[in-house]
Amino acid sequence: MNRLTAIIRNQSSETWIPDIYAEKVRAGRTRSHHLDVPERENRAEIMFTLLGIELKVGNKRFACPDLATARYLQVFARLGCRDVAVPYDITQISPVADDLETAWQRMLLVIANECAGRPAQTLGKTRAALIRQIRTGIAEIGAGEMMPEFKNSTKQRS
């Protein structure tokens, strides 16, 4: 099965979620966000309530300021990532969420293609192993500081 996960990882090289996270999220100014979710694959759904947009994972709900942030956090909640970085610039969240969702769906398609004709148990184990690899990769990159650093000097003249 290690050979199978390596094949899938190589096919997903340009859309590997930890690479997207490192290049497009952690490269810029971010703030950390904690999700109280189990470290396993989760079912995460976005809910539109009278109080706003919420991300529901299991029995827990997380308030989100907007749909883009909810879509962004949904990918990490599915993966079981507890601490992630969120771009501080809100205009960057939606494009990164698009990239992450595309990478997630592409990975699922590659897994389905590579495991076609194999037992369902192989499909489940391969999927779980890849999700664990992604979660470990994101944890290694880290979530960064709770709040980004700002320049304290606002003086325009020296």
N, C-alpha and C. Protein backbone atom coordinates (compact mmCIF):
# COMPACT_ATOMS: atom_id res chain seq x y z
N MET A 1 0.82 -1.20 0.00
CA MET A 1 0.00 0.00 0.00
C MET A 1 0.87 1.26 0.00
N ASN A 2 2.07 1.22 0.55
CA ASN A 2 2.96 2.37 0.52
C ASN A 2 3.30 2.76 -0.91
N ARG A 3 3.43 1.75 -1.77
CA ARG A 3 3.71 2.01 -3.18
C ARG A 3 2.53 2.73 -3.82
N LEU A 4 1.32 2.32 -3.45
CA LEU A 4 0.11 2.93 -3.99
C LEU A 4 -0.03 4.39 -3.55
N THR A 5 0.25 4.68 -2.28
CA THR A 5 0.18 6.07 -1.82
C THR A 5 1.26 6.92 -2.47
N ALA A 6 2.43 6.34 -2.73
CA ALA A 6 3.50 7.08 -3.41
C ALA A 6 3.10 7.41 -4.85
N ILE A 7 2.44 6.49 -5.53
CA ILE A 7 1.97 6.73 -6.90
C ILE A 7 0.96 7.87 -6.91
N ILE A 8 0.01 7.82 -5.98
CA ILE A 8 -1.03 8.85 -5.91
C ILE A 8 -0.41 10.19 -5.55
N ARG A 9 0.55 10.18 -4.64
CA ARG A 9 1.23 11.42 -4.23
C ARG A 9 1.96 12.03 -5.42
N ASN A 10 2.62 11.22 -6.24
CA ASN A 10 3.33 11.72 -7.41
C ASN A 10 2.38 12.28 -8.46
N GLN A 11 1.22 11.64 -8.63
CA GLN A 11 0.24 12.13 -9.60
C GLN A 11 -0.39 13.45 -9.14
N SER A 12 -0.41 13.68 -7.84
CA SER A 12 -1.00 14.90 -7.29
C SER A 12 0.06 15.96 -6.99
N SER A 13 1.23 15.84 -7.57
CA SER A 13 2.35 16.70 -7.18
C SER A 13 2.06 18.19 -7.34
N GLU A 14 1.43 18.60 -8.45
CA GLU A 14 1.18 20.04 -8.63
C GLU A 14 -0.02 20.53 -7.82
N THR A 15 -0.84 19.60 -7.32
CA THR A 15 -1.99 20.01 -6.52
C THR A 15 -1.95 19.34 -5.14
N TRP A 16 -0.78 19.18 -4.58
CA TRP A 16 -0.63 18.59 -3.26
C TRP A 16 -0.99 19.66 -2.22
N ILE A 17 -1.92 19.39 -1.36
CA ILE A 17 -2.47 20.39 -0.43
C ILE A 17 -1.40 21.03 0.45
N PRO A 18 -0.47 20.28 1.06
CA PRO A 18 0.57 20.97 1.85
C PRO A 18 1.43 21.94 1.04
N ASP A 19 1.67 21.64 -0.24
CA ASP A 19 2.45 22.55 -1.08
C ASP A 19 1.68 23.85 -1.32
N ILE A 20 0.39 23.73 -1.61
CA ILE A 20 -0.46 24.92 -1.80
C ILE A 20 -0.48 25.75 -0.53
N TYR A 21 -0.61 25.06 0.60
CA TYR A 21 -0.65 25.73 1.91
C TYR A 21 0.65 26.49 2.18
N ALA A 22 1.78 25.85 1.88
CA ALA A 22 3.09 26.49 2.12
C ALA A 22 3.32 27.67 1.18
N GLU A 23 2.99 27.50 -0.10
CA GLU A 23 3.30 28.52 -1.10
C GLU A 23 2.33 29.69 -1.12
N LYS A 24 1.05 29.41 -0.92
CA LYS A 24 0.05 30.47 -1.08
C LYS A 24 -0.49 31.03 0.23
N VAL A 25 -0.33 30.28 1.32
CA VAL A 25 -0.87 30.76 2.59
C VAL A 25 0.26 31.22 3.51
N ARG A 26 1.15 30.29 3.85
CA ARG A 26 2.19 30.61 4.84
C ARG A 26 3.25 31.57 4.30
N ALA A 27 3.31 31.75 3.00
CA ALA A 27 4.29 32.67 2.43
C ALA A 27 3.93 34.13 2.72
N GLY A 28 2.66 34.39 3.00
CA GLY A 28 2.21 35.75 3.27
C GLY A 28 1.89 35.95 4.74
N ARG A 29 1.28 37.08 5.04
CA ARG A 29 0.87 37.41 6.42
C ARG A 29 -0.38 36.60 6.76
N THR A 30 -0.34 35.92 7.89
CA THR A 30 -1.44 35.06 8.29
C THR A 30 -1.75 35.22 9.77
N ARG A 31 -2.89 34.69 10.16
CA ARG A 31 -3.23 34.54 11.57
C ARG A 31 -3.59 33.09 11.79
N SER A 32 -3.32 32.58 12.96
CA SER A 32 -3.61 31.17 13.21
C SER A 32 -5.06 31.00 13.63
N HIS A 33 -5.58 29.83 13.33
CA HIS A 33 -6.96 29.51 13.67
C HIS A 33 -6.99 28.08 14.21
N HIS A 34 -7.66 27.89 15.32
CA HIS A 34 -7.77 26.57 15.94
C HIS A 34 -9.15 25.99 15.67
N LEU A 35 -9.18 24.78 15.16
CA LEU A 35 -10.42 24.03 14.96
C LEU A 35 -10.43 22.86 15.93
N ASP A 36 -11.44 22.77 16.74
CA ASP A 36 -11.54 21.68 17.70
C ASP A 36 -12.22 20.49 17.02
N VAL A 37 -11.46 19.82 16.15
CA VAL A 37 -11.98 18.67 15.40
C VAL A 37 -11.09 17.46 15.66
N PRO A 38 -11.65 16.25 15.52
CA PRO A 38 -10.81 15.05 15.68
C PRO A 38 -9.76 14.97 14.56
N GLU A 39 -8.60 14.41 14.88
CA GLU A 39 -7.53 14.26 13.89
C GLU A 39 -7.76 13.00 13.06
N ARG A 40 -8.74 13.09 12.19
CA ARG A 40 -9.10 12.04 11.24
C ARG A 40 -9.93 12.68 10.16
N GLU A 41 -10.31 11.93 9.15
CA GLU A 41 -11.16 12.50 8.12
C GLU A 41 -12.53 12.78 8.71
N ASN A 42 -13.03 13.98 8.49
CA ASN A 42 -14.31 14.40 9.04
C ASN A 42 -15.26 14.84 7.93
N ARG A 43 -16.52 14.79 8.25
CA ARG A 43 -17.53 15.33 7.35
C ARG A 43 -17.81 16.75 7.81
N ALA A 44 -17.51 17.71 6.97
CA ALA A 44 -17.69 19.12 7.31
C ALA A 44 -18.67 19.73 6.32
N GLU A 45 -19.65 20.48 6.87
CA GLU A 45 -20.61 21.11 5.98
C GLU A 45 -20.82 22.56 6.38
N ILE A 46 -21.06 23.37 5.39
CA ILE A 46 -21.30 24.80 5.60
C ILE A 46 -22.79 25.01 5.77
N MET A 47 -23.15 25.74 6.84
CA MET A 47 -24.56 25.98 7.13
C MET A 47 -24.83 27.48 7.13
N PHE A 48 -25.96 27.85 6.54
CA PHE A 48 -26.40 29.24 6.53
C PHE A 48 -27.50 29.36 7.57
N THR A 49 -27.24 30.06 8.66
CA THR A 49 -28.20 30.19 9.76
C THR A 49 -28.62 31.65 9.89
N LEU A 50 -29.56 31.90 10.77
CA LEU A 50 -30.00 33.28 11.03
C LEU A 50 -28.88 34.11 11.65
N LEU A 51 -27.93 33.45 12.31
CA LEU A 51 -26.82 34.16 12.94
C LEU A 51 -25.63 34.34 12.01
N GLY A 52 -25.68 33.79 10.81
CA GLY A 52 -24.59 33.92 9.86
C GLY A 52 -24.16 32.57 9.32
N ILE A 53 -22.95 32.50 8.85
CA ILE A 53 -22.41 31.29 8.23
C ILE A 53 -21.65 30.50 9.28
N GLU A 54 -21.92 29.20 9.34
CA GLU A 54 -21.26 28.32 10.29
C GLU A 54 -20.70 27.11 9.57
N LEU A 55 -19.62 26.58 10.12
CA LEU A 55 -19.02 25.34 9.64
C LEU A 55 -19.36 24.27 10.66
N LYS A 56 -20.06 23.24 10.23
CA LYS A 56 -20.47 22.17 11.14
C LYS A 56 -19.60 20.94 10.90
N VAL A 57 -18.95 20.49 11.98
CA VAL A 57 -18.11 19.29 11.93
C VAL A 57 -18.58 18.41 13.08
N GLY A 58 -19.22 17.31 12.75
CA GLY A 58 -19.78 16.46 13.80
C GLY A 58 -20.88 17.21 14.51
N ASN A 59 -20.79 17.30 15.84
CA ASN A 59 -21.77 18.04 16.63
C ASN A 59 -21.33 19.46 16.94
N LYS A 60 -20.18 19.86 16.43
CA LYS A 60 -19.64 21.18 16.74
C LYS A 60 -19.86 22.14 15.58
N ARG A 61 -20.10 23.39 15.94
CA ARG A 61 -20.29 24.43 14.94
C ARG A 61 -19.28 25.55 15.19
N PHE A 62 -18.74 26.08 14.11
CA PHE A 62 -17.77 27.15 14.18
C PHE A 62 -18.29 28.33 13.37
N ALA A 63 -18.43 29.48 14.01
CA ALA A 63 -18.89 30.68 13.32
C ALA A 63 -17.80 31.16 12.36
N CYS A 64 -18.21 31.55 11.17
CA CYS A 64 -17.28 32.05 10.16
C CYS A 64 -17.72 33.44 9.72
N PRO A 65 -16.79 34.35 9.50
CA PRO A 65 -17.18 35.71 9.12
C PRO A 65 -17.79 35.81 7.72
N ASP A 66 -17.38 34.91 6.83
CA ASP A 66 -17.91 34.95 5.46
C ASP A 66 -17.82 33.57 4.82
N LEU A 67 -18.41 33.44 3.63
CA LEU A 67 -18.44 32.16 2.94
C LEU A 67 -17.05 31.71 2.51
N ALA A 68 -16.21 32.63 2.09
CA ALA A 68 -14.86 32.26 1.65
C ALA A 68 -14.07 31.62 2.79
N THR A 69 -14.16 32.19 3.98
CA THR A 69 -13.46 31.63 5.14
C THR A 69 -14.03 30.27 5.49
N ALA A 70 -15.34 30.12 5.40
CA ALA A 70 -15.97 28.82 5.69
C ALA A 70 -15.50 27.76 4.70
N ARG A 71 -15.41 28.11 3.41
CA ARG A 71 -14.92 27.17 2.40
C ARG A 71 -13.47 26.79 2.66
N TYR A 72 -12.67 27.79 3.04
CA TYR A 72 -11.26 27.57 3.33
C TYR A 72 -11.09 26.62 4.51
N LEU A 73 -11.79 26.91 5.60
CA LEU A 73 -11.67 26.07 6.80
C LEU A 73 -12.28 24.69 6.61
N GLN A 74 -13.25 24.57 5.71
CA GLN A 74 -13.90 23.28 5.46
C GLN A 74 -12.90 22.24 4.97
N VAL A 75 -11.97 22.65 4.13
CA VAL A 75 -10.97 21.71 3.61
C VAL A 75 -10.13 21.17 4.76
N PHE A 76 -9.69 22.04 5.65
CA PHE A 76 -8.85 21.61 6.77
C PHE A 76 -9.64 20.81 7.80
N ALA A 77 -10.91 21.15 7.97
CA ALA A 77 -11.75 20.37 8.90
C ALA A 77 -11.95 18.96 8.36
N ARG A 78 -12.12 18.81 7.04
CA ARG A 78 -12.25 17.47 6.44
C ARG A 78 -11.01 16.63 6.72
N LEU A 79 -9.85 17.29 6.66
CA LEU A 79 -8.58 16.59 6.85
C LEU A 79 -8.27 16.31 8.32
N GLY A 80 -8.97 16.97 9.22
CA GLY A 80 -8.71 16.79 10.65
C GLY A 80 -7.56 17.64 11.15
N CYS A 81 -7.27 18.74 10.47
CA CYS A 81 -6.21 19.65 10.91
C CYS A 81 -6.76 20.56 12.00
N ARG A 82 -6.10 20.56 13.14
CA ARG A 82 -6.60 21.33 14.28
C ARG A 82 -6.13 22.78 14.27
N ASP A 83 -4.90 23.04 13.84
CA ASP A 83 -4.36 24.39 13.82
C ASP A 83 -3.90 24.73 12.41
N VAL A 84 -4.47 25.78 11.85
CA VAL A 84 -4.12 26.20 10.48
C VAL A 84 -3.94 27.71 10.44
N ALA A 85 -3.26 28.16 9.42
CA ALA A 85 -3.09 29.59 9.18
C ALA A 85 -4.16 30.05 8.20
N VAL A 86 -4.71 31.23 8.46
CA VAL A 86 -5.70 31.84 7.58
C VAL A 86 -5.09 33.13 7.04
N PRO A 87 -5.14 33.35 5.72
CA PRO A 87 -4.57 34.59 5.19
C PRO A 87 -5.20 35.82 5.86
N TYR A 88 -4.36 36.76 6.23
CA TYR A 88 -4.85 37.97 6.89
C TYR A 88 -5.60 38.85 5.90
N ASP A 89 -5.16 38.87 4.66
CA ASP A 89 -5.81 39.63 3.60
C ASP A 89 -7.03 38.85 3.12
N ILE A 90 -8.23 39.36 3.40
CA ILE A 90 -9.44 38.60 3.09
C ILE A 90 -9.65 38.40 1.59
N THR A 91 -9.01 39.22 0.76
CA THR A 91 -9.17 39.03 -0.69
C THR A 91 -8.41 37.80 -1.18
N GLN A 92 -7.49 37.27 -0.36
CA GLN A 92 -6.70 36.10 -0.75
C GLN A 92 -7.37 34.79 -0.37
N ILE A 93 -8.36 34.84 0.52
CA ILE A 93 -8.95 33.61 1.05
C ILE A 93 -9.71 32.84 -0.02
N SER A 94 -10.54 33.52 -0.80
CA SER A 94 -11.37 32.83 -1.80
C SER A 94 -10.54 32.11 -2.87
N PRO A 95 -9.51 32.76 -3.48
CA PRO A 95 -8.71 32.03 -4.47
C PRO A 95 -7.98 30.82 -3.88
N VAL A 96 -7.49 30.96 -2.66
CA VAL A 96 -6.79 29.83 -2.03
C VAL A 96 -7.79 28.73 -1.71
N ALA A 97 -8.99 29.10 -1.27
CA ALA A 97 -10.03 28.09 -1.00
C ALA A 97 -10.37 27.33 -2.29
N ASP A 98 -10.44 28.04 -3.41
CA ASP A 98 -10.68 27.39 -4.71
C ASP A 98 -9.59 26.37 -5.01
N ASP A 99 -8.33 26.78 -4.83
CA ASP A 99 -7.21 25.88 -5.10
C ASP A 99 -7.24 24.66 -4.19
N LEU A 100 -7.53 24.86 -2.92
CA LEU A 100 -7.57 23.75 -1.96
C LEU A 100 -8.71 22.78 -2.26
N GLU A 101 -9.89 23.32 -2.60
CA GLU A 101 -11.02 22.45 -2.93
C GLU A 101 -10.75 21.66 -4.21
N THR A 102 -10.13 22.31 -5.18
CA THR A 102 -9.78 21.62 -6.43
C THR A 102 -8.77 20.50 -6.15
N ALA A 103 -7.78 20.79 -5.32
CA ALA A 103 -6.78 19.78 -4.97
C ALA A 103 -7.43 18.61 -4.24
N TRP A 104 -8.36 18.90 -3.33
CA TRP A 104 -9.07 17.85 -2.59
C TRP A 104 -9.84 16.94 -3.56
N GLN A 105 -10.62 17.54 -4.46
CA GLN A 105 -11.41 16.75 -5.40
C GLN A 105 -10.52 15.97 -6.36
N ARG A 106 -9.43 16.57 -6.81
CA ARG A 106 -8.50 15.88 -7.71
C ARG A 106 -7.87 14.68 -7.01
N MET A 107 -7.51 14.85 -5.74
CA MET A 107 -6.94 13.73 -4.99
C MET A 107 -7.95 12.59 -4.87
N LEU A 108 -9.21 12.91 -4.61
CA LEU A 108 -10.23 11.87 -4.51
C LEU A 108 -10.40 11.13 -5.84
N LEU A 109 -10.34 11.86 -6.95
CA LEU A 109 -10.44 11.22 -8.27
C LEU A 109 -9.24 10.32 -8.56
N VAL A 110 -8.05 10.78 -8.21
CA VAL A 110 -6.84 9.97 -8.43
C VAL A 110 -6.90 8.70 -7.58
N ILE A 111 -7.35 8.83 -6.34
CA ILE A 111 -7.48 7.65 -5.47
C ILE A 111 -8.47 6.66 -6.07
N ALA A 112 -9.61 7.17 -6.53
CA ALA A 112 -10.63 6.29 -7.12
C ALA A 112 -10.10 5.59 -8.37
N ASN A 113 -9.34 6.31 -9.20
CA ASN A 113 -8.79 5.71 -10.43
C ASN A 113 -7.73 4.66 -10.11
N GLU A 114 -6.85 4.97 -9.17
CA GLU A 114 -5.77 4.03 -8.84
C GLU A 114 -6.28 2.80 -8.09
N CYS A 115 -7.36 2.94 -7.36
CA CYS A 115 -7.88 1.82 -6.57
C CYS A 115 -9.03 1.10 -7.27
N ALA A 116 -9.30 1.45 -8.52
CA ALA A 116 -10.37 0.78 -9.27
C ALA A 116 -10.05 -0.70 -9.41
N GLY A 117 -11.02 -1.53 -9.12
CA GLY A 117 -10.84 -2.97 -9.24
C GLY A 117 -10.19 -3.61 -8.03
N ARG A 118 -9.86 -2.83 -7.05
CA ARG A 118 -9.26 -3.37 -5.82
C ARG A 118 -10.34 -3.42 -4.74
N PRO A 119 -10.08 -4.15 -3.68
CA PRO A 119 -11.08 -4.23 -2.61
C PRO A 119 -11.36 -2.86 -1.98
N ALA A 120 -12.57 -2.70 -1.46
CA ALA A 120 -12.96 -1.44 -0.82
C ALA A 120 -12.07 -1.12 0.37
N GLN A 121 -11.56 -2.15 1.02
CA GLN A 121 -10.67 -1.95 2.17
C GLN A 121 -9.38 -1.26 1.74
N THR A 122 -8.87 -1.61 0.57
CA THR A 122 -7.66 -0.97 0.04
C THR A 122 -7.92 0.51 -0.22
N LEU A 123 -9.09 0.81 -0.79
CA LEU A 123 -9.46 2.20 -1.05
C LEU A 123 -9.50 3.00 0.25
N GLY A 124 -10.12 2.46 1.28
CA GLY A 124 -10.22 3.14 2.57
C GLY A 124 -8.88 3.35 3.23
N LYS A 125 -8.04 2.32 3.21
CA LYS A 125 -6.71 2.44 3.83
C LYS A 125 -5.83 3.43 3.08
N THR A 126 -5.90 3.43 1.76
CA THR A 126 -5.11 4.35 0.96
C THR A 126 -5.55 5.78 1.20
N ARG A 127 -6.86 5.99 1.22
CA ARG A 127 -7.40 7.33 1.48
C ARG A 127 -6.98 7.82 2.86
N ALA A 128 -7.09 6.97 3.87
CA ALA A 128 -6.71 7.34 5.23
C ALA A 128 -5.22 7.66 5.33
N ALA A 129 -4.38 6.88 4.63
CA ALA A 129 -2.93 7.10 4.66
C ALA A 129 -2.57 8.44 4.01
N LEU A 130 -3.22 8.76 2.89
CA LEU A 130 -2.93 10.03 2.21
C LEU A 130 -3.39 11.21 3.05
N ILE A 131 -4.54 11.10 3.68
CA ILE A 131 -5.04 12.18 4.53
C ILE A 131 -4.12 12.38 5.72
N ARG A 132 -3.60 11.29 6.26
CA ARG A 132 -2.64 11.39 7.37
C ARG A 132 -1.36 12.09 6.91
N GLN A 133 -0.88 11.77 5.69
CA GLN A 133 0.31 12.43 5.14
C GLN A 133 0.08 13.93 4.97
N ILE A 134 -1.10 14.29 4.47
CA ILE A 134 -1.43 15.71 4.26
C ILE A 134 -1.49 16.42 5.61
N ARG A 135 -2.17 15.81 6.58
CA ARG A 135 -2.30 16.41 7.91
C ARG A 135 -0.92 16.61 8.55
N THR A 136 -0.04 15.62 8.41
CA THR A 136 1.31 15.73 8.95
C THR A 136 2.09 16.84 8.25
N GLY A 137 1.95 16.94 6.94
CA GLY A 137 2.63 17.99 6.19
C GLY A 137 2.18 19.38 6.60
N ILE A 138 0.90 19.56 6.82
CA ILE A 138 0.37 20.86 7.25
C ILE A 138 0.83 21.18 8.66
N ALA A 139 0.85 20.17 9.52
CA ALA A 139 1.32 20.39 10.90
C ALA A 139 2.79 20.78 10.92
N GLU A 140 3.61 20.19 10.04
CA GLU A 140 5.03 20.53 9.97
C GLU A 140 5.24 21.97 9.51
N ILE A 141 4.41 22.43 8.59
CA ILE A 141 4.51 23.81 8.11
C ILE A 141 4.08 24.77 9.22
N GLY A 142 3.07 24.38 9.97
CA GLY A 142 2.64 25.16 11.12
C GLY A 142 1.57 26.18 10.81
N ALA A 143 0.97 26.70 11.89
CA ALA A 143 -0.11 27.66 11.76
C ALA A 143 0.35 29.09 11.99
N GLY A 144 1.55 29.27 12.45
CA GLY A 144 2.07 30.62 12.65
C GLY A 144 1.56 31.27 13.92
N GLU A 145 1.71 32.58 13.98
CA GLU A 145 1.33 33.36 15.15
C GLU A 145 -0.18 33.58 15.19
N MET A 146 -0.69 33.84 16.40
CA MET A 146 -2.11 34.12 16.56
C MET A 146 -2.52 35.37 15.79
N MET A 147 -1.67 36.39 15.82
CA MET A 147 -1.91 37.63 15.08
C MET A 147 -0.62 37.98 14.34
N PRO A 148 -0.74 38.53 13.13
CA PRO A 148 0.47 38.89 12.38
C PRO A 148 1.16 40.10 13.00
N GLU A 149 2.45 40.23 12.69
CA GLU A 149 3.20 41.39 13.18
C GLU A 149 2.92 42.59 12.29
N PHE A 150 2.84 43.73 12.92
CA PHE A 150 2.63 44.98 12.20
C PHE A 150 3.78 45.93 12.54
N LYS A 151 4.11 46.80 11.61
CA LYS A 151 5.11 47.82 11.89
C LYS A 151 4.49 48.83 12.83
N ASN A 152 5.17 49.11 13.93
CA ASN A 152 4.66 50.08 14.90
C ASN A 152 4.93 51.51 14.48
N SER A 153 5.90 51.71 13.62
CA SER A 153 6.26 53.04 13.20
C SER A 153 5.31 53.51 12.10
N THR A 154 4.58 54.58 12.39
CA THR A 154 3.69 55.15 11.38
C THR A 154 4.20 56.53 10.93
N LYS A 155 5.34 56.90 11.45
CA LYS A 155 5.94 58.19 11.12
C LYS A 155 6.37 58.19 9.66
N GLN A 156 5.98 59.23 8.94
CA GLN A 156 6.33 59.30 7.52
C GLN A 156 7.63 60.06 7.28
N ARG A 157 8.02 60.89 8.23
CA ARG A 157 9.28 61.63 8.09
C ARG A 157 10.31 61.06 9.04
N SER A 158 11.57 61.14 8.63
CA SER A 158 12.62 60.65 9.52
C SER A 158 13.34 61.74 10.23
